[in-house]
Amino acid sequence: SINRKIDYPINSQGVANIPLESIN
C-alpha cells in the first residue's frame, strides 16, 4: 500500500507491478 491510499496485489511469484510514477 502506498500511503494507505493505493493498494497493489502480489502475483503467484510474490511480485508486485507498481508504476514508478505512482511513488514519490
PDBML (XML) file of the C-alpha atoms, coordinates in Angstrom:
<?xml version="1.0" encoding="UTF-8" ?>
<PDBx:datablock datablockName="MODEL"
   xmlns:PDBx="http://pdbml.pdb.org/schema/pdbx-v50.xsd"
   xmlns:xsi="http://www.w3.org/2001/XMLSchema-instance"
   xsi:schemaLocation="http://pdbml.pdb.org/schema/pdbx-v50.xsd pdbx-v50.xsd">
   <PDBx:atom_siteCategory>
      <PDBx:atom_site id="1">
         <PDBx:B_iso_or_equiv>0.00</PDBx:B_iso_or_equiv>
         <PDBx:Cartn_x>0.000</PDBx:Cartn_x>
         <PDBx:Cartn_y>0.000</PDBx:Cartn_y>
         <PDBx:Cartn_z>0.000</PDBx:Cartn_z>
         <PDBx:auth_asym_id>A</PDBx:auth_asym_id>
         <PDBx:auth_atom_id>CA</PDBx:auth_atom_id>
         <PDBx:auth_comp_id>SER</PDBx:auth_comp_id>
         <PDBx:auth_seq_id>1</PDBx:auth_seq_id>
         <PDBx:group_PDB>ATOM</PDBx:group_PDB>
         <PDBx:label_alt_id xsi:nil="true" />
         <PDBx:label_asym_id>A</PDBx:label_asym_id>
         <PDBx:label_atom_id>CA</PDBx:label_atom_id>
         <PDBx:label_comp_id>SER</PDBx:label_comp_id>
         <PDBx:label_entity_id>1</PDBx:label_entity_id>
         <PDBx:label_seq_id>1</PDBx:label_seq_id>
         <PDBx:occupancy>1.00</PDBx:occupancy>
         <PDBx:pdbx_PDB_model_num>1</PDBx:pdbx_PDB_model_num>
         <PDBx:type_symbol>C</PDBx:type_symbol>
      </PDBx:atom_site>
      <PDBx:atom_site id="2">
         <PDBx:B_iso_or_equiv>0.00</PDBx:B_iso_or_equiv>
         <PDBx:Cartn_x>1.290</PDBx:Cartn_x>
         <PDBx:Cartn_y>3.455</PDBx:Cartn_y>
         <PDBx:Cartn_z>-0.936</PDBx:Cartn_z>
         <PDBx:auth_asym_id>A</PDBx:auth_asym_id>
         <PDBx:auth_atom_id>CA</PDBx:auth_atom_id>
         <PDBx:auth_comp_id>ILE</PDBx:auth_comp_id>
         <PDBx:auth_seq_id>2</PDBx:auth_seq_id>
         <PDBx:group_PDB>ATOM</PDBx:group_PDB>
         <PDBx:label_alt_id xsi:nil="true" />
         <PDBx:label_asym_id>A</PDBx:label_asym_id>
         <PDBx:label_atom_id>CA</PDBx:label_atom_id>
         <PDBx:label_comp_id>ILE</PDBx:label_comp_id>
         <PDBx:label_entity_id>1</PDBx:label_entity_id>
         <PDBx:label_seq_id>2</PDBx:label_seq_id>
         <PDBx:occupancy>1.00</PDBx:occupancy>
         <PDBx:pdbx_PDB_model_num>1</PDBx:pdbx_PDB_model_num>
         <PDBx:type_symbol>C</PDBx:type_symbol>
      </PDBx:atom_site>
      <PDBx:atom_site id="3">
         <PDBx:B_iso_or_equiv>0.00</PDBx:B_iso_or_equiv>
         <PDBx:Cartn_x>0.399</PDBx:Cartn_x>
         <PDBx:Cartn_y>5.938</PDBx:Cartn_y>
         <PDBx:Cartn_z>1.823</PDBx:Cartn_z>
         <PDBx:auth_asym_id>A</PDBx:auth_asym_id>
         <PDBx:auth_atom_id>CA</PDBx:auth_atom_id>
         <PDBx:auth_comp_id>ASN</PDBx:auth_comp_id>
         <PDBx:auth_seq_id>3</PDBx:auth_seq_id>
         <PDBx:group_PDB>ATOM</PDBx:group_PDB>
         <PDBx:label_alt_id xsi:nil="true" />
         <PDBx:label_asym_id>A</PDBx:label_asym_id>
         <PDBx:label_atom_id>CA</PDBx:label_atom_id>
         <PDBx:label_comp_id>ASN</PDBx:label_comp_id>
         <PDBx:label_entity_id>1</PDBx:label_entity_id>
         <PDBx:label_seq_id>3</PDBx:label_seq_id>
         <PDBx:occupancy>1.00</PDBx:occupancy>
         <PDBx:pdbx_PDB_model_num>1</PDBx:pdbx_PDB_model_num>
         <PDBx:type_symbol>C</PDBx:type_symbol>
      </PDBx:atom_site>
      <PDBx:atom_site id="4">
         <PDBx:B_iso_or_equiv>0.00</PDBx:B_iso_or_equiv>
         <PDBx:Cartn_x>-2.511</PDBx:Cartn_x>
         <PDBx:Cartn_y>3.601</PDBx:Cartn_y>
         <PDBx:Cartn_z>2.717</PDBx:Cartn_z>
         <PDBx:auth_asym_id>A</PDBx:auth_asym_id>
         <PDBx:auth_atom_id>CA</PDBx:auth_atom_id>
         <PDBx:auth_comp_id>ARG</PDBx:auth_comp_id>
         <PDBx:auth_seq_id>4</PDBx:auth_seq_id>
         <PDBx:group_PDB>ATOM</PDBx:group_PDB>
         <PDBx:label_alt_id xsi:nil="true" />
         <PDBx:label_asym_id>A</PDBx:label_asym_id>
         <PDBx:label_atom_id>CA</PDBx:label_atom_id>
         <PDBx:label_comp_id>ARG</PDBx:label_comp_id>
         <PDBx:label_entity_id>1</PDBx:label_entity_id>
         <PDBx:label_seq_id>4</PDBx:label_seq_id>
         <PDBx:occupancy>1.00</PDBx:occupancy>
         <PDBx:pdbx_PDB_model_num>1</PDBx:pdbx_PDB_model_num>
         <PDBx:type_symbol>C</PDBx:type_symbol>
      </PDBx:atom_site>
      <PDBx:atom_site id="5">
         <PDBx:B_iso_or_equiv>0.00</PDBx:B_iso_or_equiv>
         <PDBx:Cartn_x>-4.405</PDBx:Cartn_x>
         <PDBx:Cartn_y>5.030</PDBx:Cartn_y>
         <PDBx:Cartn_z>-0.276</PDBx:Cartn_z>
         <PDBx:auth_asym_id>A</PDBx:auth_asym_id>
         <PDBx:auth_atom_id>CA</PDBx:auth_atom_id>
         <PDBx:auth_comp_id>LYS</PDBx:auth_comp_id>
         <PDBx:auth_seq_id>5</PDBx:auth_seq_id>
         <PDBx:group_PDB>ATOM</PDBx:group_PDB>
         <PDBx:label_alt_id xsi:nil="true" />
         <PDBx:label_asym_id>A</PDBx:label_asym_id>
         <PDBx:label_atom_id>CA</PDBx:label_atom_id>
         <PDBx:label_comp_id>LYS</PDBx:label_comp_id>
         <PDBx:label_entity_id>1</PDBx:label_entity_id>
         <PDBx:label_seq_id>5</PDBx:label_seq_id>
         <PDBx:occupancy>1.00</PDBx:occupancy>
         <PDBx:pdbx_PDB_model_num>1</PDBx:pdbx_PDB_model_num>
         <PDBx:type_symbol>C</PDBx:type_symbol>
      </PDBx:atom_site>
      <PDBx:atom_site id="6">
         <PDBx:B_iso_or_equiv>0.00</PDBx:B_iso_or_equiv>
         <PDBx:Cartn_x>-3.373</PDBx:Cartn_x>
         <PDBx:Cartn_y>2.862</PDBx:Cartn_y>
         <PDBx:Cartn_z>-3.238</PDBx:Cartn_z>
         <PDBx:auth_asym_id>A</PDBx:auth_asym_id>
         <PDBx:auth_atom_id>CA</PDBx:auth_atom_id>
         <PDBx:auth_comp_id>ILE</PDBx:auth_comp_id>
         <PDBx:auth_seq_id>6</PDBx:auth_seq_id>
         <PDBx:group_PDB>ATOM</PDBx:group_PDB>
         <PDBx:label_alt_id xsi:nil="true" />
         <PDBx:label_asym_id>A</PDBx:label_asym_id>
         <PDBx:label_atom_id>CA</PDBx:label_atom_id>
         <PDBx:label_comp_id>ILE</PDBx:label_comp_id>
         <PDBx:label_entity_id>1</PDBx:label_entity_id>
         <PDBx:label_seq_id>6</PDBx:label_seq_id>
         <PDBx:occupancy>1.00</PDBx:occupancy>
         <PDBx:pdbx_PDB_model_num>1</PDBx:pdbx_PDB_model_num>
         <PDBx:type_symbol>C</PDBx:type_symbol>
      </PDBx:atom_site>
      <PDBx:atom_site id="7">
         <PDBx:B_iso_or_equiv>0.00</PDBx:B_iso_or_equiv>
         <PDBx:Cartn_x>-3.095</PDBx:Cartn_x>
         <PDBx:Cartn_y>-0.930</PDBx:Cartn_y>
         <PDBx:Cartn_z>-2.867</PDBx:Cartn_z>
         <PDBx:auth_asym_id>A</PDBx:auth_asym_id>
         <PDBx:auth_atom_id>CA</PDBx:auth_atom_id>
         <PDBx:auth_comp_id>ASP</PDBx:auth_comp_id>
         <PDBx:auth_seq_id>7</PDBx:auth_seq_id>
         <PDBx:group_PDB>ATOM</PDBx:group_PDB>
         <PDBx:label_alt_id xsi:nil="true" />
         <PDBx:label_asym_id>A</PDBx:label_asym_id>
         <PDBx:label_atom_id>CA</PDBx:label_atom_id>
         <PDBx:label_comp_id>ASP</PDBx:label_comp_id>
         <PDBx:label_entity_id>1</PDBx:label_entity_id>
         <PDBx:label_seq_id>7</PDBx:label_seq_id>
         <PDBx:occupancy>1.00</PDBx:occupancy>
         <PDBx:pdbx_PDB_model_num>1</PDBx:pdbx_PDB_model_num>
         <PDBx:type_symbol>C</PDBx:type_symbol>
      </PDBx:atom_site>
      <PDBx:atom_site id="8">
         <PDBx:B_iso_or_equiv>0.00</PDBx:B_iso_or_equiv>
         <PDBx:Cartn_x>-1.224</PDBx:Cartn_x>
         <PDBx:Cartn_y>-3.255</PDBx:Cartn_y>
         <PDBx:Cartn_z>-5.194</PDBx:Cartn_z>
         <PDBx:auth_asym_id>A</PDBx:auth_asym_id>
         <PDBx:auth_atom_id>CA</PDBx:auth_atom_id>
         <PDBx:auth_comp_id>TYR</PDBx:auth_comp_id>
         <PDBx:auth_seq_id>8</PDBx:auth_seq_id>
         <PDBx:group_PDB>ATOM</PDBx:group_PDB>
         <PDBx:label_alt_id xsi:nil="true" />
         <PDBx:label_asym_id>A</PDBx:label_asym_id>
         <PDBx:label_atom_id>CA</PDBx:label_atom_id>
         <PDBx:label_comp_id>TYR</PDBx:label_comp_id>
         <PDBx:label_entity_id>1</PDBx:label_entity_id>
         <PDBx:label_seq_id>8</PDBx:label_seq_id>
         <PDBx:occupancy>1.00</PDBx:occupancy>
         <PDBx:pdbx_PDB_model_num>1</PDBx:pdbx_PDB_model_num>
         <PDBx:type_symbol>C</PDBx:type_symbol>
      </PDBx:atom_site>
      <PDBx:atom_site id="9">
         <PDBx:B_iso_or_equiv>0.00</PDBx:B_iso_or_equiv>
         <PDBx:Cartn_x>-1.727</PDBx:Cartn_x>
         <PDBx:Cartn_y>-7.040</PDBx:Cartn_y>
         <PDBx:Cartn_z>-5.265</PDBx:Cartn_z>
         <PDBx:auth_asym_id>A</PDBx:auth_asym_id>
         <PDBx:auth_atom_id>CA</PDBx:auth_atom_id>
         <PDBx:auth_comp_id>PRO</PDBx:auth_comp_id>
         <PDBx:auth_seq_id>9</PDBx:auth_seq_id>
         <PDBx:group_PDB>ATOM</PDBx:group_PDB>
         <PDBx:label_alt_id xsi:nil="true" />
         <PDBx:label_asym_id>A</PDBx:label_asym_id>
         <PDBx:label_atom_id>CA</PDBx:label_atom_id>
         <PDBx:label_comp_id>PRO</PDBx:label_comp_id>
         <PDBx:label_entity_id>1</PDBx:label_entity_id>
         <PDBx:label_seq_id>9</PDBx:label_seq_id>
         <PDBx:occupancy>1.00</PDBx:occupancy>
         <PDBx:pdbx_PDB_model_num>1</PDBx:pdbx_PDB_model_num>
         <PDBx:type_symbol>C</PDBx:type_symbol>
      </PDBx:atom_site>
      <PDBx:atom_site id="10">
         <PDBx:B_iso_or_equiv>0.00</PDBx:B_iso_or_equiv>
         <PDBx:Cartn_x>1.044</PDBx:Cartn_x>
         <PDBx:Cartn_y>-9.637</PDBx:Cartn_y>
         <PDBx:Cartn_z>-5.334</PDBx:Cartn_z>
         <PDBx:auth_asym_id>A</PDBx:auth_asym_id>
         <PDBx:auth_atom_id>CA</PDBx:auth_atom_id>
         <PDBx:auth_comp_id>ILE</PDBx:auth_comp_id>
         <PDBx:auth_seq_id>10</PDBx:auth_seq_id>
         <PDBx:group_PDB>ATOM</PDBx:group_PDB>
         <PDBx:label_alt_id xsi:nil="true" />
         <PDBx:label_asym_id>A</PDBx:label_asym_id>
         <PDBx:label_atom_id>CA</PDBx:label_atom_id>
         <PDBx:label_comp_id>ILE</PDBx:label_comp_id>
         <PDBx:label_entity_id>1</PDBx:label_entity_id>
         <PDBx:label_seq_id>10</PDBx:label_seq_id>
         <PDBx:occupancy>1.00</PDBx:occupancy>
         <PDBx:pdbx_PDB_model_num>1</PDBx:pdbx_PDB_model_num>
         <PDBx:type_symbol>C</PDBx:type_symbol>
      </PDBx:atom_site>
      <PDBx:atom_site id="11">
         <PDBx:B_iso_or_equiv>0.00</PDBx:B_iso_or_equiv>
         <PDBx:Cartn_x>1.063</PDBx:Cartn_x>
         <PDBx:Cartn_y>-12.291</PDBx:Cartn_y>
         <PDBx:Cartn_z>-8.052</PDBx:Cartn_z>
         <PDBx:auth_asym_id>A</PDBx:auth_asym_id>
         <PDBx:auth_atom_id>CA</PDBx:auth_atom_id>
         <PDBx:auth_comp_id>ASN</PDBx:auth_comp_id>
         <PDBx:auth_seq_id>11</PDBx:auth_seq_id>
         <PDBx:group_PDB>ATOM</PDBx:group_PDB>
         <PDBx:label_alt_id xsi:nil="true" />
         <PDBx:label_asym_id>A</PDBx:label_asym_id>
         <PDBx:label_atom_id>CA</PDBx:label_atom_id>
         <PDBx:label_comp_id>ASN</PDBx:label_comp_id>
         <PDBx:label_entity_id>1</PDBx:label_entity_id>
         <PDBx:label_seq_id>11</PDBx:label_seq_id>
         <PDBx:occupancy>1.00</PDBx:occupancy>
         <PDBx:pdbx_PDB_model_num>1</PDBx:pdbx_PDB_model_num>
         <PDBx:type_symbol>C</PDBx:type_symbol>
      </PDBx:atom_site>
      <PDBx:atom_site id="12">
         <PDBx:B_iso_or_equiv>0.00</PDBx:B_iso_or_equiv>
         <PDBx:Cartn_x>1.756</PDBx:Cartn_x>
         <PDBx:Cartn_y>-16.019</PDBx:Cartn_y>
         <PDBx:Cartn_z>-7.646</PDBx:Cartn_z>
         <PDBx:auth_asym_id>A</PDBx:auth_asym_id>
         <PDBx:auth_atom_id>CA</PDBx:auth_atom_id>
         <PDBx:auth_comp_id>SER</PDBx:auth_comp_id>
         <PDBx:auth_seq_id>12</PDBx:auth_seq_id>
         <PDBx:group_PDB>ATOM</PDBx:group_PDB>
         <PDBx:label_alt_id xsi:nil="true" />
         <PDBx:label_asym_id>A</PDBx:label_asym_id>
         <PDBx:label_atom_id>CA</PDBx:label_atom_id>
         <PDBx:label_comp_id>SER</PDBx:label_comp_id>
         <PDBx:label_entity_id>1</PDBx:label_entity_id>
         <PDBx:label_seq_id>12</PDBx:label_seq_id>
         <PDBx:occupancy>1.00</PDBx:occupancy>
         <PDBx:pdbx_PDB_model_num>1</PDBx:pdbx_PDB_model_num>
         <PDBx:type_symbol>C</PDBx:type_symbol>
      </PDBx:atom_site>
      <PDBx:atom_site id="13">
         <PDBx:B_iso_or_equiv>0.00</PDBx:B_iso_or_equiv>
         <PDBx:Cartn_x>5.509</PDBx:Cartn_x>
         <PDBx:Cartn_y>-15.354</PDBx:Cartn_y>
         <PDBx:Cartn_z>-7.853</PDBx:Cartn_z>
         <PDBx:auth_asym_id>A</PDBx:auth_asym_id>
         <PDBx:auth_atom_id>CA</PDBx:auth_atom_id>
         <PDBx:auth_comp_id>GLN</PDBx:auth_comp_id>
         <PDBx:auth_seq_id>13</PDBx:auth_seq_id>
         <PDBx:group_PDB>ATOM</PDBx:group_PDB>
         <PDBx:label_alt_id xsi:nil="true" />
         <PDBx:label_asym_id>A</PDBx:label_asym_id>
         <PDBx:label_atom_id>CA</PDBx:label_atom_id>
         <PDBx:label_comp_id>GLN</PDBx:label_comp_id>
         <PDBx:label_entity_id>1</PDBx:label_entity_id>
         <PDBx:label_seq_id>13</PDBx:label_seq_id>
         <PDBx:occupancy>1.00</PDBx:occupancy>
         <PDBx:pdbx_PDB_model_num>1</PDBx:pdbx_PDB_model_num>
         <PDBx:type_symbol>C</PDBx:type_symbol>
      </PDBx:atom_site>
      <PDBx:atom_site id="14">
         <PDBx:B_iso_or_equiv>0.00</PDBx:B_iso_or_equiv>
         <PDBx:Cartn_x>5.315</PDBx:Cartn_x>
         <PDBx:Cartn_y>-12.953</PDBx:Cartn_y>
         <PDBx:Cartn_z>-4.917</PDBx:Cartn_z>
         <PDBx:auth_asym_id>A</PDBx:auth_asym_id>
         <PDBx:auth_atom_id>CA</PDBx:auth_atom_id>
         <PDBx:auth_comp_id>GLY</PDBx:auth_comp_id>
         <PDBx:auth_seq_id>14</PDBx:auth_seq_id>
         <PDBx:group_PDB>ATOM</PDBx:group_PDB>
         <PDBx:label_alt_id xsi:nil="true" />
         <PDBx:label_asym_id>A</PDBx:label_asym_id>
         <PDBx:label_atom_id>CA</PDBx:label_atom_id>
         <PDBx:label_comp_id>GLY</PDBx:label_comp_id>
         <PDBx:label_entity_id>1</PDBx:label_entity_id>
         <PDBx:label_seq_id>14</PDBx:label_seq_id>
         <PDBx:occupancy>1.00</PDBx:occupancy>
         <PDBx:pdbx_PDB_model_num>1</PDBx:pdbx_PDB_model_num>
         <PDBx:type_symbol>C</PDBx:type_symbol>
      </PDBx:atom_site>
      <PDBx:atom_site id="15">
         <PDBx:B_iso_or_equiv>0.00</PDBx:B_iso_or_equiv>
         <PDBx:Cartn_x>5.931</PDBx:Cartn_x>
         <PDBx:Cartn_y>-9.946</PDBx:Cartn_y>
         <PDBx:Cartn_z>-7.179</PDBx:Cartn_z>
         <PDBx:auth_asym_id>A</PDBx:auth_asym_id>
         <PDBx:auth_atom_id>CA</PDBx:auth_atom_id>
         <PDBx:auth_comp_id>VAL</PDBx:auth_comp_id>
         <PDBx:auth_seq_id>15</PDBx:auth_seq_id>
         <PDBx:group_PDB>ATOM</PDBx:group_PDB>
         <PDBx:label_alt_id xsi:nil="true" />
         <PDBx:label_asym_id>A</PDBx:label_asym_id>
         <PDBx:label_atom_id>CA</PDBx:label_atom_id>
         <PDBx:label_comp_id>VAL</PDBx:label_comp_id>
         <PDBx:label_entity_id>1</PDBx:label_entity_id>
         <PDBx:label_seq_id>15</PDBx:label_seq_id>
         <PDBx:occupancy>1.00</PDBx:occupancy>
         <PDBx:pdbx_PDB_model_num>1</PDBx:pdbx_PDB_model_num>
         <PDBx:type_symbol>C</PDBx:type_symbol>
      </PDBx:atom_site>
      <PDBx:atom_site id="16">
         <PDBx:B_iso_or_equiv>0.00</PDBx:B_iso_or_equiv>
         <PDBx:Cartn_x>4.031</PDBx:Cartn_x>
         <PDBx:Cartn_y>-6.653</PDBx:Cartn_y>
         <PDBx:Cartn_z>-7.421</PDBx:Cartn_z>
         <PDBx:auth_asym_id>A</PDBx:auth_asym_id>
         <PDBx:auth_atom_id>CA</PDBx:auth_atom_id>
         <PDBx:auth_comp_id>ALA</PDBx:auth_comp_id>
         <PDBx:auth_seq_id>16</PDBx:auth_seq_id>
         <PDBx:group_PDB>ATOM</PDBx:group_PDB>
         <PDBx:label_alt_id xsi:nil="true" />
         <PDBx:label_asym_id>A</PDBx:label_asym_id>
         <PDBx:label_atom_id>CA</PDBx:label_atom_id>
         <PDBx:label_comp_id>ALA</PDBx:label_comp_id>
         <PDBx:label_entity_id>1</PDBx:label_entity_id>
         <PDBx:label_seq_id>16</PDBx:label_seq_id>
         <PDBx:occupancy>1.00</PDBx:occupancy>
         <PDBx:pdbx_PDB_model_num>1</PDBx:pdbx_PDB_model_num>
         <PDBx:type_symbol>C</PDBx:type_symbol>
      </PDBx:atom_site>
      <PDBx:atom_site id="17">
         <PDBx:B_iso_or_equiv>0.00</PDBx:B_iso_or_equiv>
         <PDBx:Cartn_x>3.937</PDBx:Cartn_x>
         <PDBx:Cartn_y>-4.462</PDBx:Cartn_y>
         <PDBx:Cartn_z>-10.531</PDBx:Cartn_z>
         <PDBx:auth_asym_id>A</PDBx:auth_asym_id>
         <PDBx:auth_atom_id>CA</PDBx:auth_atom_id>
         <PDBx:auth_comp_id>ASN</PDBx:auth_comp_id>
         <PDBx:auth_seq_id>17</PDBx:auth_seq_id>
         <PDBx:group_PDB>ATOM</PDBx:group_PDB>
         <PDBx:label_alt_id xsi:nil="true" />
         <PDBx:label_asym_id>A</PDBx:label_asym_id>
         <PDBx:label_atom_id>CA</PDBx:label_atom_id>
         <PDBx:label_comp_id>ASN</PDBx:label_comp_id>
         <PDBx:label_entity_id>1</PDBx:label_entity_id>
         <PDBx:label_seq_id>17</PDBx:label_seq_id>
         <PDBx:occupancy>1.00</PDBx:occupancy>
         <PDBx:pdbx_PDB_model_num>1</PDBx:pdbx_PDB_model_num>
         <PDBx:type_symbol>C</PDBx:type_symbol>
      </PDBx:atom_site>
      <PDBx:atom_site id="18">
         <PDBx:B_iso_or_equiv>0.00</PDBx:B_iso_or_equiv>
         <PDBx:Cartn_x>3.917</PDBx:Cartn_x>
         <PDBx:Cartn_y>-0.873</PDBx:Cartn_y>
         <PDBx:Cartn_z>-9.334</PDBx:Cartn_z>
         <PDBx:auth_asym_id>A</PDBx:auth_asym_id>
         <PDBx:auth_atom_id>CA</PDBx:auth_atom_id>
         <PDBx:auth_comp_id>ILE</PDBx:auth_comp_id>
         <PDBx:auth_seq_id>18</PDBx:auth_seq_id>
         <PDBx:group_PDB>ATOM</PDBx:group_PDB>
         <PDBx:label_alt_id xsi:nil="true" />
         <PDBx:label_asym_id>A</PDBx:label_asym_id>
         <PDBx:label_atom_id>CA</PDBx:label_atom_id>
         <PDBx:label_comp_id>ILE</PDBx:label_comp_id>
         <PDBx:label_entity_id>1</PDBx:label_entity_id>
         <PDBx:label_seq_id>18</PDBx:label_seq_id>
         <PDBx:occupancy>1.00</PDBx:occupancy>
         <PDBx:pdbx_PDB_model_num>1</PDBx:pdbx_PDB_model_num>
         <PDBx:type_symbol>C</PDBx:type_symbol>
      </PDBx:atom_site>
      <PDBx:atom_site id="19">
         <PDBx:B_iso_or_equiv>0.00</PDBx:B_iso_or_equiv>
         <PDBx:Cartn_x>4.395</PDBx:Cartn_x>
         <PDBx:Cartn_y>2.069</PDBx:Cartn_y>
         <PDBx:Cartn_z>-11.731</PDBx:Cartn_z>
         <PDBx:auth_asym_id>A</PDBx:auth_asym_id>
         <PDBx:auth_atom_id>CA</PDBx:auth_atom_id>
         <PDBx:auth_comp_id>PRO</PDBx:auth_comp_id>
         <PDBx:auth_seq_id>19</PDBx:auth_seq_id>
         <PDBx:group_PDB>ATOM</PDBx:group_PDB>
         <PDBx:label_alt_id xsi:nil="true" />
         <PDBx:label_asym_id>A</PDBx:label_asym_id>
         <PDBx:label_atom_id>CA</PDBx:label_atom_id>
         <PDBx:label_comp_id>PRO</PDBx:label_comp_id>
         <PDBx:label_entity_id>1</PDBx:label_entity_id>
         <PDBx:label_seq_id>19</PDBx:label_seq_id>
         <PDBx:occupancy>1.00</PDBx:occupancy>
         <PDBx:pdbx_PDB_model_num>1</PDBx:pdbx_PDB_model_num>
         <PDBx:type_symbol>C</PDBx:type_symbol>
      </PDBx:atom_site>
      <PDBx:atom_site id="20">
         <PDBx:B_iso_or_equiv>0.00</PDBx:B_iso_or_equiv>
         <PDBx:Cartn_x>7.307</PDBx:Cartn_x>
         <PDBx:Cartn_y>4.161</PDBx:Cartn_y>
         <PDBx:Cartn_z>-10.508</PDBx:Cartn_z>
         <PDBx:auth_asym_id>A</PDBx:auth_asym_id>
         <PDBx:auth_atom_id>CA</PDBx:auth_atom_id>
         <PDBx:auth_comp_id>LEU</PDBx:auth_comp_id>
         <PDBx:auth_seq_id>20</PDBx:auth_seq_id>
         <PDBx:group_PDB>ATOM</PDBx:group_PDB>
         <PDBx:label_alt_id xsi:nil="true" />
         <PDBx:label_asym_id>A</PDBx:label_asym_id>
         <PDBx:label_atom_id>CA</PDBx:label_atom_id>
         <PDBx:label_comp_id>LEU</PDBx:label_comp_id>
         <PDBx:label_entity_id>1</PDBx:label_entity_id>
         <PDBx:label_seq_id>20</PDBx:label_seq_id>
         <PDBx:occupancy>1.00</PDBx:occupancy>
         <PDBx:pdbx_PDB_model_num>1</PDBx:pdbx_PDB_model_num>
         <PDBx:type_symbol>C</PDBx:type_symbol>
      </PDBx:atom_site>
      <PDBx:atom_site id="21">
         <PDBx:B_iso_or_equiv>0.00</PDBx:B_iso_or_equiv>
         <PDBx:Cartn_x>5.370</PDBx:Cartn_x>
         <PDBx:Cartn_y>7.280</PDBx:Cartn_y>
         <PDBx:Cartn_z>-11.402</PDBx:Cartn_z>
         <PDBx:auth_asym_id>A</PDBx:auth_asym_id>
         <PDBx:auth_atom_id>CA</PDBx:auth_atom_id>
         <PDBx:auth_comp_id>GLU</PDBx:auth_comp_id>
         <PDBx:auth_seq_id>21</PDBx:auth_seq_id>
         <PDBx:group_PDB>ATOM</PDBx:group_PDB>
         <PDBx:label_alt_id xsi:nil="true" />
         <PDBx:label_asym_id>A</PDBx:label_asym_id>
         <PDBx:label_atom_id>CA</PDBx:label_atom_id>
         <PDBx:label_comp_id>GLU</PDBx:label_comp_id>
         <PDBx:label_entity_id>1</PDBx:label_entity_id>
         <PDBx:label_seq_id>21</PDBx:label_seq_id>
         <PDBx:occupancy>1.00</PDBx:occupancy>
         <PDBx:pdbx_PDB_model_num>1</PDBx:pdbx_PDB_model_num>
         <PDBx:type_symbol>C</PDBx:type_symbol>
      </PDBx:atom_site>
      <PDBx:atom_site id="22">
         <PDBx:B_iso_or_equiv>0.00</PDBx:B_iso_or_equiv>
         <PDBx:Cartn_x>2.895</PDBx:Cartn_x>
         <PDBx:Cartn_y>6.443</PDBx:Cartn_y>
         <PDBx:Cartn_z>-8.616</PDBx:Cartn_z>
         <PDBx:auth_asym_id>A</PDBx:auth_asym_id>
         <PDBx:auth_atom_id>CA</PDBx:auth_atom_id>
         <PDBx:auth_comp_id>SER</PDBx:auth_comp_id>
         <PDBx:auth_seq_id>22</PDBx:auth_seq_id>
         <PDBx:group_PDB>ATOM</PDBx:group_PDB>
         <PDBx:label_alt_id xsi:nil="true" />
         <PDBx:label_asym_id>A</PDBx:label_asym_id>
         <PDBx:label_atom_id>CA</PDBx:label_atom_id>
         <PDBx:label_comp_id>SER</PDBx:label_comp_id>
         <PDBx:label_entity_id>1</PDBx:label_entity_id>
         <PDBx:label_seq_id>22</PDBx:label_seq_id>
         <PDBx:occupancy>1.00</PDBx:occupancy>
         <PDBx:pdbx_PDB_model_num>1</PDBx:pdbx_PDB_model_num>
         <PDBx:type_symbol>C</PDBx:type_symbol>
      </PDBx:atom_site>
      <PDBx:atom_site id="23">
         <PDBx:B_iso_or_equiv>0.00</PDBx:B_iso_or_equiv>
         <PDBx:Cartn_x>5.684</PDBx:Cartn_x>
         <PDBx:Cartn_y>6.629</PDBx:Cartn_y>
         <PDBx:Cartn_z>-5.988</PDBx:Cartn_z>
         <PDBx:auth_asym_id>A</PDBx:auth_asym_id>
         <PDBx:auth_atom_id>CA</PDBx:auth_atom_id>
         <PDBx:auth_comp_id>ILE</PDBx:auth_comp_id>
         <PDBx:auth_seq_id>23</PDBx:auth_seq_id>
         <PDBx:group_PDB>ATOM</PDBx:group_PDB>
         <PDBx:label_alt_id xsi:nil="true" />
         <PDBx:label_asym_id>A</PDBx:label_asym_id>
         <PDBx:label_atom_id>CA</PDBx:label_atom_id>
         <PDBx:label_comp_id>ILE</PDBx:label_comp_id>
         <PDBx:label_entity_id>1</PDBx:label_entity_id>
         <PDBx:label_seq_id>23</PDBx:label_seq_id>
         <PDBx:occupancy>1.00</PDBx:occupancy>
         <PDBx:pdbx_PDB_model_num>1</PDBx:pdbx_PDB_model_num>
         <PDBx:type_symbol>C</PDBx:type_symbol>
      </PDBx:atom_site>
      <PDBx:atom_site id="24">
         <PDBx:B_iso_or_equiv>0.00</PDBx:B_iso_or_equiv>
         <PDBx:Cartn_x>7.120</PDBx:Cartn_x>
         <PDBx:Cartn_y>9.930</PDBx:Cartn_y>
         <PDBx:Cartn_z>-4.776</PDBx:Cartn_z>
         <PDBx:auth_asym_id>A</PDBx:auth_asym_id>
         <PDBx:auth_atom_id>CA</PDBx:auth_atom_id>
         <PDBx:auth_comp_id>ASN</PDBx:auth_comp_id>
         <PDBx:auth_seq_id>24</PDBx:auth_seq_id>
         <PDBx:group_PDB>ATOM</PDBx:group_PDB>
         <PDBx:label_alt_id xsi:nil="true" />
         <PDBx:label_asym_id>A</PDBx:label_asym_id>
         <PDBx:label_atom_id>CA</PDBx:label_atom_id>
         <PDBx:label_comp_id>ASN</PDBx:label_comp_id>
         <PDBx:label_entity_id>1</PDBx:label_entity_id>
         <PDBx:label_seq_id>24</PDBx:label_seq_id>
         <PDBx:occupancy>1.00</PDBx:occupancy>
         <PDBx:pdbx_PDB_model_num>1</PDBx:pdbx_PDB_model_num>
         <PDBx:type_symbol>C</PDBx:type_symbol>
      </PDBx:atom_site>
   </PDBx:atom_siteCategory>
</PDBx:datablock>
